[in-house]
């Protein structure tokens, strides 16, 4: 019986990793869905440390998908700063890096100051998740047909701050991080490709920061000695699911089918609010 229990535990963590990984890149709120999953099936989700760990798996997937953009940005940023390469491409990429740094500030500051309060106040409320999913659906519906004209080189400091504050709003469970940032980027007139790129590259410093801030607690929590294999399974599942979900979402954006995510948020949000 002990072997069966261990296998069930491994399957549960693999499922949670895949579930979180799939919902992280698409605009339906992975954190909100974990709250729904917990209440619906009475699952033990492993706490904040587990969420940080599987989110790191999503980060790895984002790094893989956007590796060429990252390599170009690093190369051109280095050339701009240290090799006196000041052509249009390197200048645009250097500004893009600066805007990513600026866009990270609101979520970083608010997360450090209010993160625990948000988690303790709103992290356990499935009904609140239902409401915020409906809000996410409304936002996606508003931008469903927008096309924008701003490319990577047309962004400004104010654009970066607006998208950054949208990312900070997504600290609230049920508000999708990718959804909030893409909605904000589309509302200020960016092209779909630029909105996607800025949104997911903006995820990198925030996710890395979360890992760094929690690494001591994670090491001292005893997870490595007691739950190493379940956590690794969840981590690997998150990487694979996030990779394919992100590639799929990029195609959805290109085809202009955001309305289906809006419908999903309306339906699930209403059901959660009424029945959980």
C-alpha atoms as a PDB file:
ATOM      1  CA  UNK A   1       0.000   0.000   0.000  1.00  0.00           C
ATOM      2  CA  UNK A   2       2.907   2.298   0.725  1.00  0.00           C
ATOM      3  CA  UNK A   3       4.141   1.884  -2.870  1.00  0.00           C
ATOM      4  CA  UNK A   4       0.692   2.769  -4.210  1.00  0.00           C
ATOM      5  CA  UNK A   5       0.597   5.897  -2.046  1.00  0.00           C
ATOM      6  CA  UNK A   6       4.016   6.953  -3.346  1.00  0.00           C
ATOM      7  CA  UNK A   7       2.935   6.435  -6.949  1.00  0.00           C
ATOM      8  CA  UNK A   8      -0.233   8.451  -6.346  1.00  0.00           C
ATOM      9  CA  UNK A   9       1.873  11.235  -4.819  1.00  0.00           C
ATOM     10  CA  UNK A  10       4.214  11.255  -7.836  1.00  0.00           C
ATOM     11  CA  UNK A  11       1.295  11.341 -10.250  1.00  0.00           C
ATOM     12  CA  UNK A  12      -0.358  14.165  -8.291  1.00  0.00           C
ATOM     13  CA  UNK A  13       2.754  16.343  -8.413  1.00  0.00           C
ATOM     14  CA  UNK A  14       3.375  15.582 -12.083  1.00  0.00           C
ATOM     15  CA  UNK A  15      -0.221  16.545 -12.828  1.00  0.00           C
ATOM     16  CA  UNK A  16       0.085  19.770 -10.836  1.00  0.00           C
ATOM     17  CA  UNK A  17       3.314  20.664 -12.634  1.00  0.00           C
ATOM     18  CA  UNK A  18       1.774  20.066 -16.052  1.00  0.00           C
ATOM     19  CA  UNK A  19      -1.388  21.917 -15.054  1.00  0.00           C
ATOM     20  CA  UNK A  20       0.498  24.956 -13.786  1.00  0.00           C
ATOM     21  CA  UNK A  21       2.870  24.868 -16.735  1.00  0.00           C
ATOM     22  CA  UNK A  22       0.082  24.830 -19.275  1.00  0.00           C
ATOM     23  CA  UNK A  23      -1.913  27.623 -17.632  1.00  0.00           C
ATOM     24  CA  UNK A  24       1.080  29.914 -16.934  1.00  0.00           C
ATOM     25  CA  UNK A  25       1.719  31.294 -20.462  1.00  0.00           C
ATOM     26  CA  UNK A  26      -1.907  31.561 -21.575  1.00  0.00           C
ATOM     27  CA  UNK A  27      -4.144  34.399 -20.303  1.00  0.00           C
ATOM     28  CA  UNK A  28      -6.281  32.456 -17.834  1.00  0.00           C
ATOM     29  CA  UNK A  29      -4.223  32.823 -14.597  1.00  0.00           C
ATOM     30  CA  UNK A  30      -2.232  29.813 -13.412  1.00  0.00           C
ATOM     31  CA  UNK A  31      -2.365  30.935  -9.762  1.00  0.00           C
ATOM     32  CA  UNK A  32      -6.138  31.328  -9.943  1.00  0.00           C
ATOM     33  CA  UNK A  33      -6.544  27.882 -11.448  1.00  0.00           C
ATOM     34  CA  UNK A  34      -4.421  26.334  -8.712  1.00  0.00           C
ATOM     35  CA  UNK A  35      -6.838  27.814  -6.160  1.00  0.00           C
ATOM     36  CA  UNK A  36      -9.772  26.385  -8.142  1.00  0.00           C
ATOM     37  CA  UNK A  37      -8.080  22.994  -8.400  1.00  0.00           C
ATOM     38  CA  UNK A  38      -7.407  22.934  -4.669  1.00  0.00           C
ATOM     39  CA  UNK A  39     -11.043  23.683  -3.761  1.00  0.00           C
ATOM     40  CA  UNK A  40     -12.550  21.469  -6.446  1.00  0.00           C
ATOM     41  CA  UNK A  41     -10.581  18.311  -5.677  1.00  0.00           C
ATOM     42  CA  UNK A  42      -9.414  19.061  -2.128  1.00  0.00           C
ATOM     43  CA  UNK A  43      -5.778  18.777  -3.215  1.00  0.00           C
ATOM     44  CA  UNK A  44      -2.706  19.677  -1.209  1.00  0.00           C
ATOM     45  CA  UNK A  45      -0.746  21.986  -3.517  1.00  0.00           C
ATOM     46  CA  UNK A  46       2.528  22.126  -1.648  1.00  0.00           C
ATOM     47  CA  UNK A  47       2.389  25.779  -0.622  1.00  0.00           C
ATOM     48  CA  UNK A  48       4.244  28.802  -1.944  1.00  0.00           C
ATOM     49  CA  UNK A  49       7.521  26.907  -2.363  1.00  0.00           C
ATOM     50  CA  UNK A  50       5.887  24.507  -4.801  1.00  0.00           C
ATOM     51  CA  UNK A  51       4.420  27.353  -6.839  1.00  0.00           C
ATOM     52  CA  UNK A  52       7.816  29.083  -7.002  1.00  0.00           C
ATOM     53  CA  UNK A  53       9.444  25.829  -8.121  1.00  0.00           C
ATOM     54  CA  UNK A  54       7.008  25.085 -10.946  1.00  0.00           C
ATOM     55  CA  UNK A  55       7.016  28.727 -12.035  1.00  0.00           C
ATOM     56  CA  UNK A  56      10.752  28.335 -12.474  1.00  0.00           C
ATOM     57  CA  UNK A  57       9.949  25.498 -14.888  1.00  0.00           C
ATOM     58  CA  UNK A  58       7.794  27.930 -16.874  1.00  0.00           C
ATOM     59  CA  UNK A  59      10.706  30.372 -16.872  1.00  0.00           C
ATOM     60  CA  UNK A  60      12.955  27.729 -18.439  1.00  0.00           C
ATOM     61  CA  UNK A  61      10.353  27.212 -21.188  1.00  0.00           C
ATOM     62  CA  UNK A  62      10.173  30.974 -21.864  1.00  0.00           C
ATOM     63  CA  UNK A  63      13.977  31.109 -22.102  1.00  0.00           C
ATOM     64  CA  UNK A  64      13.914  28.298 -24.673  1.00  0.00           C
ATOM     65  CA  UNK A  65      11.140  29.812 -26.807  1.00  0.00           C
ATOM     66  CA  UNK A  66      12.650  33.325 -26.794  1.00  0.00           C
ATOM     67  CA  UNK A  67      16.308  32.248 -26.842  1.00  0.00           C
ATOM     68  CA  UNK A  68      17.054  33.949 -30.173  1.00  0.00           C
ATOM     69  CA  UNK A  69      15.578  37.255 -28.984  1.00  0.00           C
ATOM     70  CA  UNK A  70      17.543  37.020 -25.741  1.00  0.00           C
ATOM     71  CA  UNK A  71      20.803  36.257 -27.529  1.00  0.00           C
ATOM     72  CA  UNK A  72      20.264  39.200 -29.884  1.00  0.00           C
ATOM     73  CA  UNK A  73      19.375  41.576 -27.038  1.00  0.00           C
ATOM     74  CA  UNK A  74      22.411  40.552 -24.986  1.00  0.00           C
ATOM     75  CA  UNK A  75      24.737  40.803 -27.987  1.00  0.00           C
ATOM     76  CA  UNK A  76      23.422  44.177 -29.138  1.00  0.00           C
ATOM     77  CA  UNK A  77      23.171  45.546 -25.594  1.00  0.00           C
ATOM     78  CA  UNK A  78      26.797  44.607 -24.975  1.00  0.00           C
ATOM     79  CA  UNK A  79      27.830  46.115 -28.302  1.00  0.00           C
ATOM     80  CA  UNK A  80      25.986  49.358 -27.530  1.00  0.00           C
ATOM     81  CA  UNK A  81      27.544  49.736 -24.095  1.00  0.00           C
ATOM     82  CA  UNK A  82      31.082  48.490 -24.569  1.00  0.00           C
ATOM     83  CA  UNK A  83      31.889  48.313 -28.277  1.00  0.00           C
ATOM     84  CA  UNK A  84      30.526  51.671 -29.428  1.00  0.00           C
ATOM     85  CA  UNK A  85      28.043  50.031 -31.799  1.00  0.00           C
ATOM     86  CA  UNK A  86      25.372  52.715 -32.068  1.00  0.00           C
ATOM     87  CA  UNK A  87      23.397  51.790 -35.189  1.00  0.00           C
ATOM     88  CA  UNK A  88      19.589  51.676 -35.251  1.00  0.00           C
ATOM     89  CA  UNK A  89      19.333  47.977 -34.338  1.00  0.00           C
ATOM     90  CA  UNK A  90      21.672  48.089 -31.339  1.00  0.00           C
ATOM     91  CA  UNK A  91      20.136  51.362 -30.113  1.00  0.00           C
ATOM     92  CA  UNK A  92      16.600  49.941 -30.321  1.00  0.00           C
ATOM     93  CA  UNK A  93      17.635  46.738 -28.543  1.00  0.00           C
ATOM     94  CA  UNK A  94      19.436  48.656 -25.796  1.00  0.00           C
ATOM     95  CA  UNK A  95      16.338  50.789 -25.190  1.00  0.00           C
ATOM     96  CA  UNK A  96      14.217  47.619 -25.204  1.00  0.00           C
ATOM     97  CA  UNK A  97      16.424  46.195 -22.429  1.00  0.00           C
ATOM     98  CA  UNK A  98      16.061  49.411 -20.425  1.00  0.00           C
ATOM     99  CA  UNK A  99      12.285  49.294 -20.824  1.00  0.00           C
ATOM    100  CA  UNK A 100      12.239  45.685 -19.600  1.00  0.00           C
ATOM    101  CA  UNK A 101      14.124  46.804 -16.488  1.00  0.00           C
ATOM    102  CA  UNK A 102      11.738  49.740 -15.971  1.00  0.00           C
ATOM    103  CA  UNK A 103       8.706  47.513 -16.553  1.00  0.00           C
ATOM    104  CA  UNK A 104       9.922  45.104 -13.877  1.00  0.00           C
ATOM    105  CA  UNK A 105      10.021  47.744 -11.130  1.00  0.00           C
ATOM    106  CA  UNK A 106       6.267  48.061 -10.279  1.00  0.00           C
ATOM    107  CA  UNK A 107       5.685  44.328  -9.745  1.00  0.00           C
ATOM    108  CA  UNK A 108       8.992  43.939  -7.894  1.00  0.00           C
ATOM    109  CA  UNK A 109       8.263  46.783  -5.470  1.00  0.00           C
ATOM    110  CA  UNK A 110       4.613  45.901  -4.884  1.00  0.00           C
ATOM    111  CA  UNK A 111       5.449  42.205  -4.613  1.00  0.00           C
ATOM    112  CA  UNK A 112       8.050  42.814  -1.915  1.00  0.00           C
ATOM    113  CA  UNK A 113       5.868  45.281   0.015  1.00  0.00           C
ATOM    114  CA  UNK A 114       2.428  43.694  -0.365  1.00  0.00           C
ATOM    115  CA  UNK A 115       3.115  40.133  -1.590  1.00  0.00           C
ATOM    116  CA  UNK A 116       2.486  38.377   1.720  1.00  0.00           C
ATOM    117  CA  UNK A 117      -0.607  40.489   2.411  1.00  0.00           C
ATOM    118  CA  UNK A 118      -2.069  39.697  -1.012  1.00  0.00           C
ATOM    119  CA  UNK A 119      -1.360  35.993  -0.553  1.00  0.00           C
ATOM    120  CA  UNK A 120      -2.847  35.867   2.944  1.00  0.00           C
ATOM    121  CA  UNK A 121      -5.868  38.039   2.112  1.00  0.00           C
ATOM    122  CA  UNK A 122      -6.849  36.846  -1.339  1.00  0.00           C
ATOM    123  CA  UNK A 123      -4.902  33.646  -2.015  1.00  0.00           C
ATOM    124  CA  UNK A 124      -7.484  31.385  -0.405  1.00  0.00           C
ATOM    125  CA  UNK A 125     -10.646  32.828  -1.950  1.00  0.00           C
ATOM    126  CA  UNK A 126     -12.075  30.862  -4.853  1.00  0.00           C
ATOM    127  CA  UNK A 127     -14.947  33.340  -5.224  1.00  0.00           C
ATOM    128  CA  UNK A 128     -12.480  36.176  -5.672  1.00  0.00           C
ATOM    129  CA  UNK A 129     -10.731  34.115  -8.349  1.00  0.00           C
ATOM    130  CA  UNK A 130     -14.097  33.765 -10.077  1.00  0.00           C
ATOM    131  CA  UNK A 131     -14.514  37.561 -10.095  1.00  0.00           C
ATOM    132  CA  UNK A 132     -10.976  38.257 -11.293  1.00  0.00           C
ATOM    133  CA  UNK A 133     -11.313  35.667 -14.070  1.00  0.00           C
ATOM    134  CA  UNK A 134     -14.392  37.517 -15.312  1.00  0.00           C
ATOM    135  CA  UNK A 135     -12.398  40.768 -15.187  1.00  0.00           C
ATOM    136  CA  UNK A 136      -9.640  39.065 -17.202  1.00  0.00           C
ATOM    137  CA  UNK A 137     -12.240  37.913 -19.720  1.00  0.00           C
ATOM    138  CA  UNK A 138     -13.613  41.453 -20.120  1.00  0.00           C
ATOM    139  CA  UNK A 139     -10.096  42.820 -20.726  1.00  0.00           C
ATOM    140  CA  UNK A 140      -9.356  40.145 -23.336  1.00  0.00           C
ATOM    141  CA  UNK A 141     -12.678  40.840 -25.054  1.00  0.00           C
ATOM    142  CA  UNK A 142     -11.857  44.554 -25.294  1.00  0.00           C
ATOM    143  CA  UNK A 143      -8.571  43.958 -27.146  1.00  0.00           C
ATOM    144  CA  UNK A 144      -9.678  40.956 -29.221  1.00  0.00           C
ATOM    145  CA  UNK A 145      -9.619  42.882 -32.524  1.00  0.00           C
ATOM    146  CA  UNK A 146      -6.847  45.412 -31.834  1.00  0.00           C
ATOM    147  CA  UNK A 147      -3.839  45.317 -34.156  1.00  0.00           C
ATOM    148  CA  UNK A 148      -1.556  48.180 -33.085  1.00  0.00           C
ATOM    149  CA  UNK A 149       1.304  49.828 -34.938  1.00  0.00           C
ATOM    150  CA  UNK A 150       4.160  50.161 -32.402  1.00  0.00           C
ATOM    151  CA  UNK A 151       7.121  47.865 -32.908  1.00  0.00           C
ATOM    152  CA  UNK A 152       9.984  47.090 -30.527  1.00  0.00           C
ATOM    153  CA  UNK A 153      11.766  50.311 -31.436  1.00  0.00           C
ATOM    154  CA  UNK A 154       8.706  52.499 -30.888  1.00  0.00           C
ATOM    155  CA  UNK A 155       8.215  51.837 -27.182  1.00  0.00           C
ATOM    156  CA  UNK A 156       8.674  54.572 -24.575  1.00  0.00           C
ATOM    157  CA  UNK A 157       9.342  54.741 -20.845  1.00  0.00           C
ATOM    158  CA  UNK A 158       5.638  55.391 -20.227  1.00  0.00           C
ATOM    159  CA  UNK A 159       4.709  52.320 -22.279  1.00  0.00           C
ATOM    160  CA  UNK A 160       7.077  50.209 -20.178  1.00  0.00           C
ATOM    161  CA  UNK A 161       5.632  51.582 -16.930  1.00  0.00           C
ATOM    162  CA  UNK A 162       2.039  50.992 -18.044  1.00  0.00           C
ATOM    163  CA  UNK A 163       2.768  47.364 -18.909  1.00  0.00           C
ATOM    164  CA  UNK A 164       4.794  47.052 -15.696  1.00  0.00           C
ATOM    165  CA  UNK A 165       1.884  48.238 -13.557  1.00  0.00           C
ATOM    166  CA  UNK A 166      -0.383  45.799 -15.402  1.00  0.00           C
ATOM    167  CA  UNK A 167       2.008  43.032 -14.393  1.00  0.00           C
ATOM    168  CA  UNK A 168       1.802  44.266 -10.792  1.00  0.00           C
ATOM    169  CA  UNK A 169      -2.011  44.015 -10.915  1.00  0.00           C
ATOM    170  CA  UNK A 170      -1.544  40.343 -11.788  1.00  0.00           C
ATOM    171  CA  UNK A 171      -0.215  39.712  -8.276  1.00  0.00           C
ATOM    172  CA  UNK A 172      -3.917  39.287  -7.508  1.00  0.00           C
ATOM    173  CA  UNK A 173      -4.935  35.607  -7.908  1.00  0.00           C
ATOM    174  CA  UNK A 174      -7.157  35.159 -10.952  1.00  0.00           C
ATOM    175  CA  UNK A 175      -5.633  38.079 -12.868  1.00  0.00           C
ATOM    176  CA  UNK A 176      -3.487  36.526 -15.571  1.00  0.00           C
ATOM    177  CA  UNK A 177       0.047  37.929 -15.750  1.00  0.00           C
ATOM    178  CA  UNK A 178       0.384  37.282 -19.467  1.00  0.00           C
ATOM    179  CA  UNK A 179      -3.178  38.489 -20.034  1.00  0.00           C
ATOM    180  CA  UNK A 180      -2.724  41.713 -18.053  1.00  0.00           C
ATOM    181  CA  UNK A 181       0.560  42.652 -19.731  1.00  0.00           C
ATOM    182  CA  UNK A 182      -0.615  41.797 -23.232  1.00  0.00           C
ATOM    183  CA  UNK A 183      -3.890  43.686 -22.724  1.00  0.00           C
ATOM    184  CA  UNK A 184      -1.949  46.747 -21.510  1.00  0.00           C
ATOM    185  CA  UNK A 185       0.518  46.506 -24.392  1.00  0.00           C
ATOM    186  CA  UNK A 186      -2.267  46.215 -26.970  1.00  0.00           C
ATOM    187  CA  UNK A 187      -4.187  49.130 -25.446  1.00  0.00           C
ATOM    188  CA  UNK A 188      -1.166  51.417 -25.865  1.00  0.00           C
ATOM    189  CA  UNK A 189      -0.980  50.454 -29.526  1.00  0.00           C
ATOM    190  CA  UNK A 190       1.752  47.822 -29.841  1.00  0.00           C
ATOM    191  CA  UNK A 191       1.803  45.161 -32.511  1.00  0.00           C
ATOM    192  CA  UNK A 192       0.865  41.656 -31.406  1.00  0.00           C
ATOM    193  CA  UNK A 193       4.412  40.326 -31.821  1.00  0.00           C
ATOM    194  CA  UNK A 194       5.845  43.180 -29.737  1.00  0.00           C
ATOM    195  CA  UNK A 195       3.162  42.756 -27.062  1.00  0.00           C
ATOM    196  CA  UNK A 196       3.971  39.043 -26.801  1.00  0.00           C
ATOM    197  CA  UNK A 197       7.724  39.555 -26.762  1.00  0.00           C
ATOM    198  CA  UNK A 198       7.651  42.322 -24.170  1.00  0.00           C
ATOM    199  CA  UNK A 199       5.198  40.424 -21.990  1.00  0.00           C
ATOM    200  CA  UNK A 200       7.178  37.189 -21.829  1.00  0.00           C
ATOM    201  CA  UNK A 201      10.624  38.774 -21.651  1.00  0.00           C
ATOM    202  CA  UNK A 202       9.218  40.850 -18.777  1.00  0.00           C
ATOM    203  CA  UNK A 203       8.357  37.566 -17.056  1.00  0.00           C
ATOM    204  CA  UNK A 204      12.042  36.586 -16.896  1.00  0.00           C
ATOM    205  CA  UNK A 205      13.369  39.124 -14.325  1.00  0.00           C
ATOM    206  CA  UNK A 206      10.223  38.841 -12.184  1.00  0.00           C
ATOM    207  CA  UNK A 207      10.436  35.043 -12.104  1.00  0.00           C
ATOM    208  CA  UNK A 208      14.179  35.075 -11.427  1.00  0.00           C
ATOM    209  CA  UNK A 209      13.659  37.615  -8.657  1.00  0.00           C
ATOM    210  CA  UNK A 210      10.998  35.429  -7.048  1.00  0.00           C
ATOM    211  CA  UNK A 211      13.346  32.438  -7.101  1.00  0.00           C
ATOM    212  CA  UNK A 212      16.234  34.433  -5.602  1.00  0.00           C
ATOM    213  CA  UNK A 213      14.053  35.908  -2.840  1.00  0.00           C
ATOM    214  CA  UNK A 214      12.766  32.473  -1.849  1.00  0.00           C
ATOM    215  CA  UNK A 215      15.835  30.306  -2.385  1.00  0.00           C
ATOM    216  CA  UNK A 216      16.950  30.335   1.270  1.00  0.00           C
ATOM    217  CA  UNK A 217      13.500  29.377   2.477  1.00  0.00           C
ATOM    218  CA  UNK A 218      13.320  26.670  -0.182  1.00  0.00           C
ATOM    219  CA  UNK A 219      16.699  25.164   0.792  1.00  0.00           C
ATOM    220  CA  UNK A 220      15.865  25.249   4.499  1.00  0.00           C
ATOM    221  CA  UNK A 221      12.359  23.844   4.030  1.00  0.00           C
ATOM    222  CA  UNK A 222      13.579  20.257   3.814  1.00  0.00           C
ATOM    223  CA  UNK A 223      12.077  19.727   0.366  1.00  0.00           C
ATOM    224  CA  UNK A 224      15.339  18.353  -1.051  1.00  0.00           C
ATOM    225  CA  UNK A 225      15.439  15.576   1.517  1.00  0.00           C
ATOM    226  CA  UNK A 226      11.754  14.642   1.597  1.00  0.00           C
ATOM    227  CA  UNK A 227      10.108  15.660  -1.705  1.00  0.00           C
ATOM    228  CA  UNK A 228      12.931  15.876  -4.244  1.00  0.00           C
ATOM    229  CA  UNK A 229      11.523  13.415  -6.806  1.00  0.00           C
ATOM    230  CA  UNK A 230       7.905  14.728  -6.727  1.00  0.00           C
ATOM    231  CA  UNK A 231       9.184  18.318  -7.088  1.00  0.00           C
ATOM    232  CA  UNK A 232      11.499  17.361  -9.953  1.00  0.00           C
ATOM    233  CA  UNK A 233       8.632  15.626 -11.751  1.00  0.00           C
ATOM    234  CA  UNK A 234       6.477  18.724 -11.333  1.00  0.00           C
ATOM    235  CA  UNK A 235       9.368  20.890 -12.539  1.00  0.00           C
ATOM    236  CA  UNK A 236       9.924  18.826 -15.690  1.00  0.00           C
ATOM    237  CA  UNK A 237       6.193  18.653 -16.353  1.00  0.00           C
ATOM    238  CA  UNK A 238       5.976  22.427 -16.022  1.00  0.00           C
ATOM    239  CA  UNK A 239       8.792  22.983 -18.533  1.00  0.00           C
ATOM    240  CA  UNK A 240       7.244  20.742 -21.193  1.00  0.00           C
ATOM    241  CA  UNK A 241       3.675  22.002 -20.703  1.00  0.00           C
ATOM    242  CA  UNK A 242       4.736  25.664 -20.617  1.00  0.00           C
ATOM    243  CA  UNK A 243       6.785  25.271 -23.798  1.00  0.00           C
ATOM    244  CA  UNK A 244       3.930  23.826 -25.847  1.00  0.00           C
ATOM    245  CA  UNK A 245       1.329  26.140 -24.296  1.00  0.00           C
ATOM    246  CA  UNK A 246       3.443  29.205 -25.126  1.00  0.00           C
ATOM    247  CA  UNK A 247       4.052  28.077 -28.718  1.00  0.00           C
ATOM    248  CA  UNK A 248       0.316  27.471 -29.089  1.00  0.00           C
ATOM    249  CA  UNK A 249      -0.586  30.836 -27.564  1.00  0.00           C
ATOM    250  CA  UNK A 250       1.779  32.663 -29.933  1.00  0.00           C
ATOM    251  CA  UNK A 251      -0.105  31.099 -32.862  1.00  0.00           C
ATOM    252  CA  UNK A 252      -3.455  32.004 -31.288  1.00  0.00           C
ATOM    253  CA  UNK A 253      -2.337  35.635 -31.021  1.00  0.00           C
ATOM    254  CA  UNK A 254      -1.236  35.662 -34.652  1.00  0.00           C
ATOM    255  CA  UNK A 255      -4.624  34.354 -35.755  1.00  0.00           C
ATOM    256  CA  UNK A 256      -6.532  36.836 -33.574  1.00  0.00           C
ATOM    257  CA  UNK A 257      -8.495  34.277 -31.546  1.00  0.00           C
ATOM    258  CA  UNK A 258      -8.247  35.873 -28.103  1.00  0.00           C
ATOM    259  CA  UNK A 259     -12.032  35.889 -27.864  1.00  0.00           C
ATOM    260  CA  UNK A 260     -11.971  32.175 -27.033  1.00  0.00           C
ATOM    261  CA  UNK A 261      -9.900  32.852 -23.921  1.00  0.00           C
ATOM    262  CA  UNK A 262     -12.373  35.590 -22.999  1.00  0.00           C
ATOM    263  CA  UNK A 263     -15.276  33.109 -23.335  1.00  0.00           C
ATOM    264  CA  UNK A 264     -13.373  30.607 -21.205  1.00  0.00           C
ATOM    265  CA  UNK A 265     -12.743  33.173 -18.452  1.00  0.00           C
ATOM    266  CA  UNK A 266     -16.409  34.244 -18.490  1.00  0.00           C
ATOM    267  CA  UNK A 267     -17.674  30.660 -18.174  1.00  0.00           C
ATOM    268  CA  UNK A 268     -15.170  29.391 -15.595  1.00  0.00           C
ATOM    269  CA  UNK A 269     -15.256  32.612 -13.577  1.00  0.00           C
ATOM    270  CA  UNK A 270     -19.062  32.524 -13.359  1.00  0.00           C
ATOM    271  CA  UNK A 271     -19.133  28.836 -12.390  1.00  0.00           C
ATOM    272  CA  UNK A 272     -16.440  29.314  -9.734  1.00  0.00           C
ATOM    273  CA  UNK A 273     -18.184  32.356  -8.259  1.00  0.00           C
ATOM    274  CA  UNK A 274     -21.548  30.572  -8.085  1.00  0.00           C
ATOM    275  CA  UNK A 275     -20.509  27.119  -6.916  1.00  0.00           C
ATOM    276  CA  UNK A 276     -17.169  27.298  -5.038  1.00  0.00           C
END
